[in-house]
Amino acid sequence: LIDELDGRRALVYLDPAPGTPTCAFTDATACNWQDHTLVLDTGAYARGAVLYGAQGAVQSTERPMQSITCWYVYAFTFPGGEIYAE
């Protein structure tokens, strides 16, 4: 999913192969899975915890504190769990 952290878009996903949660800042506004590749609307894509640019080169990635992903994993693990306060 693409969420907002500190006023910036962040890509949060659970890699299907090892089940590893990952979070990275992005310019993308949408994404979808194609087999084990997460394709972003910017042309970039992710395999594992590695992001690649549209041309296929490894992309330098700025990541927030990875402890943030724990809340997303919690919501994924416990259906009905919420990570937002109203």
N, C-alpha and C. Protein backbone atom coordinates (compact mmCIF):
# COMPACT_ATOMS: atom_id res chain seq x y z
N LEU A 1 0.83 -1.17 0.00
CA LEU A 1 0.00 0.00 0.00
C LEU A 1 0.88 1.23 0.00
N ILE A 2 0.30 2.33 -0.42
CA ILE A 2 1.00 3.61 -0.39
C ILE A 2 0.28 4.47 0.64
N ASP A 3 1.03 4.94 1.61
CA ASP A 3 0.47 5.72 2.70
C ASP A 3 1.25 7.02 2.81
N GLU A 4 0.91 7.84 3.77
CA GLU A 4 1.63 9.09 3.98
C GLU A 4 2.25 9.09 5.37
N LEU A 5 3.54 9.36 5.43
CA LEU A 5 4.27 9.47 6.69
C LEU A 5 5.01 10.80 6.70
N ASP A 6 4.78 11.58 7.71
CA ASP A 6 5.44 12.88 7.83
C ASP A 6 5.30 13.73 6.55
N GLY A 7 4.12 13.67 5.94
CA GLY A 7 3.85 14.47 4.75
C GLY A 7 4.46 13.93 3.47
N ARG A 8 5.01 12.72 3.51
CA ARG A 8 5.62 12.11 2.31
C ARG A 8 4.95 10.77 2.03
N ARG A 9 4.89 10.43 0.75
CA ARG A 9 4.33 9.12 0.38
C ARG A 9 5.33 8.02 0.72
N ALA A 10 4.81 6.95 1.26
CA ALA A 10 5.65 5.81 1.62
C ALA A 10 5.01 4.53 1.08
N LEU A 11 5.82 3.70 0.49
CA LEU A 11 5.40 2.40 -0.01
C LEU A 11 5.63 1.39 1.11
N VAL A 12 4.59 0.67 1.49
CA VAL A 12 4.69 -0.35 2.54
C VAL A 12 4.19 -1.65 1.93
N TYR A 13 5.03 -2.69 1.97
CA TYR A 13 4.58 -3.97 1.40
C TYR A 13 5.21 -5.14 2.13
N LEU A 14 4.57 -6.28 1.98
CA LEU A 14 5.04 -7.52 2.57
C LEU A 14 5.51 -8.39 1.42
N ASP A 15 6.81 -8.60 1.32
CA ASP A 15 7.37 -9.41 0.25
C ASP A 15 6.83 -10.84 0.36
N PRO A 16 6.21 -11.35 -0.70
CA PRO A 16 5.57 -12.66 -0.61
C PRO A 16 6.54 -13.84 -0.42
N ALA A 17 7.76 -13.73 -0.92
CA ALA A 17 8.68 -14.88 -0.81
C ALA A 17 9.13 -15.11 0.63
N PRO A 18 9.87 -14.16 1.24
CA PRO A 18 10.29 -14.40 2.62
C PRO A 18 9.29 -13.89 3.65
N GLY A 19 8.28 -13.10 3.23
CA GLY A 19 7.32 -12.53 4.17
C GLY A 19 7.89 -11.36 4.95
N THR A 20 8.87 -10.68 4.38
CA THR A 20 9.54 -9.57 5.05
C THR A 20 8.81 -8.26 4.78
N PRO A 21 8.44 -7.52 5.85
CA PRO A 21 7.82 -6.21 5.63
C PRO A 21 8.88 -5.18 5.24
N THR A 22 8.51 -4.28 4.34
CA THR A 22 9.43 -3.25 3.85
C THR A 22 8.69 -1.93 3.72
N CYS A 23 9.40 -0.85 4.00
CA CYS A 23 8.82 0.49 3.86
C CYS A 23 9.88 1.40 3.24
N ALA A 24 9.49 2.17 2.23
CA ALA A 24 10.41 3.10 1.58
C ALA A 24 9.63 4.30 1.07
N PHE A 25 10.25 5.47 1.13
CA PHE A 25 9.61 6.66 0.57
C PHE A 25 9.59 6.54 -0.95
N THR A 26 8.54 7.08 -1.57
CA THR A 26 8.35 6.93 -3.01
C THR A 26 7.62 8.13 -3.60
N ASP A 27 7.71 8.29 -4.91
CA ASP A 27 6.92 9.27 -5.63
C ASP A 27 5.67 8.62 -6.23
N ALA A 28 5.59 7.31 -6.16
CA ALA A 28 4.47 6.57 -6.76
C ALA A 28 3.15 6.89 -6.06
N THR A 29 2.07 6.76 -6.80
CA THR A 29 0.74 6.96 -6.23
C THR A 29 -0.09 5.68 -6.29
N ALA A 30 0.41 4.66 -7.01
CA ALA A 30 -0.31 3.39 -7.11
C ALA A 30 0.70 2.28 -7.38
N CYS A 31 0.31 1.06 -7.03
CA CYS A 31 1.17 -0.10 -7.26
C CYS A 31 0.30 -1.35 -7.39
N ASN A 32 0.86 -2.39 -8.02
CA ASN A 32 0.16 -3.67 -8.09
C ASN A 32 1.17 -4.79 -8.23
N TRP A 33 0.76 -5.98 -7.80
CA TRP A 33 1.64 -7.15 -7.87
C TRP A 33 1.50 -7.83 -9.22
N GLN A 34 2.63 -8.19 -9.80
CA GLN A 34 2.69 -9.03 -10.99
C GLN A 34 3.63 -10.16 -10.63
N ASP A 35 3.06 -11.31 -10.30
CA ASP A 35 3.81 -12.44 -9.76
C ASP A 35 4.52 -11.98 -8.48
N HIS A 36 5.84 -12.09 -8.40
CA HIS A 36 6.57 -11.68 -7.19
C HIS A 36 7.23 -10.32 -7.37
N THR A 37 6.72 -9.52 -8.30
CA THR A 37 7.26 -8.19 -8.54
C THR A 37 6.18 -7.16 -8.25
N LEU A 38 6.51 -6.17 -7.43
CA LEU A 38 5.60 -5.08 -7.13
C LEU A 38 5.92 -3.94 -8.10
N VAL A 39 4.98 -3.63 -8.98
CA VAL A 39 5.18 -2.62 -10.02
C VAL A 39 4.52 -1.31 -9.60
N LEU A 40 5.30 -0.23 -9.63
CA LEU A 40 4.80 1.09 -9.25
C LEU A 40 4.39 1.86 -10.50
N ASP A 41 3.49 2.82 -10.34
CA ASP A 41 3.03 3.59 -11.49
C ASP A 41 4.10 4.54 -12.04
N THR A 42 5.24 4.63 -11.39
CA THR A 42 6.35 5.44 -11.88
C THR A 42 7.24 4.66 -12.84
N GLY A 43 6.97 3.36 -12.98
CA GLY A 43 7.80 2.50 -13.81
C GLY A 43 8.82 1.74 -12.98
N ALA A 44 9.05 2.19 -11.75
CA ALA A 44 9.95 1.48 -10.84
C ALA A 44 9.27 0.18 -10.39
N TYR A 45 10.05 -0.73 -9.84
CA TYR A 45 9.48 -1.97 -9.33
C TYR A 45 10.33 -2.51 -8.19
N ALA A 46 9.72 -3.38 -7.40
CA ALA A 46 10.41 -3.95 -6.24
C ALA A 46 10.37 -5.47 -6.33
N ARG A 47 11.51 -6.05 -6.02
CA ARG A 47 11.63 -7.51 -5.86
C ARG A 47 12.38 -7.70 -4.57
N GLY A 48 11.78 -8.41 -3.66
CA GLY A 48 12.39 -8.52 -2.34
C GLY A 48 12.37 -7.15 -1.71
N ALA A 49 13.40 -6.79 -1.01
CA ALA A 49 13.48 -5.48 -0.38
C ALA A 49 14.24 -4.48 -1.25
N VAL A 50 14.48 -4.85 -2.52
CA VAL A 50 15.26 -4.00 -3.42
C VAL A 50 14.33 -3.29 -4.40
N LEU A 51 14.51 -1.97 -4.52
CA LEU A 51 13.74 -1.20 -5.49
C LEU A 51 14.60 -0.92 -6.71
N TYR A 52 14.00 -1.08 -7.88
CA TYR A 52 14.68 -0.84 -9.15
C TYR A 52 14.00 0.30 -9.86
N GLY A 53 14.76 1.13 -10.55
CA GLY A 53 14.19 2.20 -11.35
C GLY A 53 13.55 1.65 -12.61
N ALA A 54 12.89 2.49 -13.35
CA ALA A 54 12.19 2.08 -14.56
C ALA A 54 13.13 1.43 -15.59
N GLN A 55 14.41 1.78 -15.55
CA GLN A 55 15.38 1.22 -16.50
C GLN A 55 16.01 -0.08 -15.99
N GLY A 56 15.65 -0.51 -14.77
CA GLY A 56 16.16 -1.76 -14.23
C GLY A 56 17.36 -1.65 -13.32
N ALA A 57 17.88 -0.45 -13.12
CA ALA A 57 19.03 -0.27 -12.22
C ALA A 57 18.54 -0.17 -10.77
N VAL A 58 19.35 -0.67 -9.85
CA VAL A 58 19.00 -0.56 -8.44
C VAL A 58 18.85 0.91 -8.10
N GLN A 59 17.76 1.24 -7.42
CA GLN A 59 17.42 2.63 -7.12
C GLN A 59 17.84 2.95 -5.68
N SER A 60 18.51 4.06 -5.49
CA SER A 60 18.83 4.53 -4.15
C SER A 60 17.51 4.83 -3.45
N THR A 61 17.36 4.32 -2.24
CA THR A 61 16.08 4.40 -1.56
C THR A 61 16.22 4.98 -0.17
N GLU A 62 15.42 5.97 0.12
CA GLU A 62 15.36 6.51 1.48
C GLU A 62 14.25 5.80 2.22
N ARG A 63 14.56 5.30 3.39
CA ARG A 63 13.59 4.53 4.16
C ARG A 63 13.35 5.20 5.52
N PRO A 64 12.08 5.20 5.96
CA PRO A 64 11.81 5.68 7.32
C PRO A 64 12.29 4.62 8.31
N MET A 65 12.22 4.93 9.59
CA MET A 65 12.58 3.92 10.59
C MET A 65 11.75 2.67 10.33
N GLN A 66 12.40 1.54 10.20
CA GLN A 66 11.69 0.31 9.85
C GLN A 66 10.75 -0.17 10.94
N SER A 67 10.89 0.35 12.16
CA SER A 67 9.96 -0.03 13.22
C SER A 67 8.54 0.41 12.88
N ILE A 68 8.40 1.39 12.00
CA ILE A 68 7.08 1.84 11.56
C ILE A 68 6.31 0.69 10.90
N THR A 69 7.03 -0.18 10.20
CA THR A 69 6.36 -1.29 9.52
C THR A 69 5.67 -2.24 10.49
N CYS A 70 6.10 -2.25 11.75
CA CYS A 70 5.47 -3.14 12.74
C CYS A 70 3.97 -2.88 12.84
N TRP A 71 3.56 -1.62 12.76
CA TRP A 71 2.13 -1.31 12.86
C TRP A 71 1.37 -1.87 11.66
N TYR A 72 1.96 -1.82 10.49
CA TYR A 72 1.30 -2.37 9.31
C TYR A 72 1.22 -3.89 9.41
N VAL A 73 2.28 -4.52 9.90
CA VAL A 73 2.28 -5.97 10.08
C VAL A 73 1.22 -6.36 11.10
N TYR A 74 1.09 -5.58 12.16
CA TYR A 74 0.06 -5.83 13.16
C TYR A 74 -1.32 -5.82 12.52
N ALA A 75 -1.61 -4.79 11.73
CA ALA A 75 -2.92 -4.69 11.08
C ALA A 75 -3.15 -5.83 10.09
N PHE A 76 -2.09 -6.27 9.43
CA PHE A 76 -2.19 -7.38 8.49
C PHE A 76 -2.43 -8.70 9.23
N THR A 77 -1.75 -8.88 10.36
CA THR A 77 -1.82 -10.12 11.13
C THR A 77 -3.15 -10.27 11.87
N PHE A 78 -3.68 -9.18 12.37
CA PHE A 78 -4.91 -9.21 13.16
C PHE A 78 -6.00 -8.46 12.41
N PRO A 79 -6.79 -9.20 11.59
CA PRO A 79 -7.87 -8.55 10.83
C PRO A 79 -8.77 -7.72 11.77
N GLY A 80 -9.09 -6.54 11.34
CA GLY A 80 -9.89 -5.64 12.16
C GLY A 80 -9.02 -4.71 12.99
N GLY A 81 -7.70 -4.99 13.03
CA GLY A 81 -6.78 -4.11 13.76
C GLY A 81 -6.68 -2.78 13.03
N GLU A 82 -6.54 -1.71 13.76
CA GLU A 82 -6.46 -0.39 13.15
C GLU A 82 -5.17 0.29 13.55
N ILE A 83 -4.60 1.05 12.62
CA ILE A 83 -3.37 1.78 12.92
C ILE A 83 -3.59 3.29 12.89
N TYR A 84 -4.81 3.71 12.62
CA TYR A 84 -5.12 5.14 12.59
C TYR A 84 -6.08 5.50 13.71
N ALA A 85 -5.86 6.64 14.32
CA ALA A 85 -6.79 7.14 15.32
C ALA A 85 -7.74 8.12 14.64
N GLU A 86 -8.97 8.08 15.06
CA GLU A 86 -9.94 9.01 14.47
C GLU A 86 -10.05 10.25 15.29
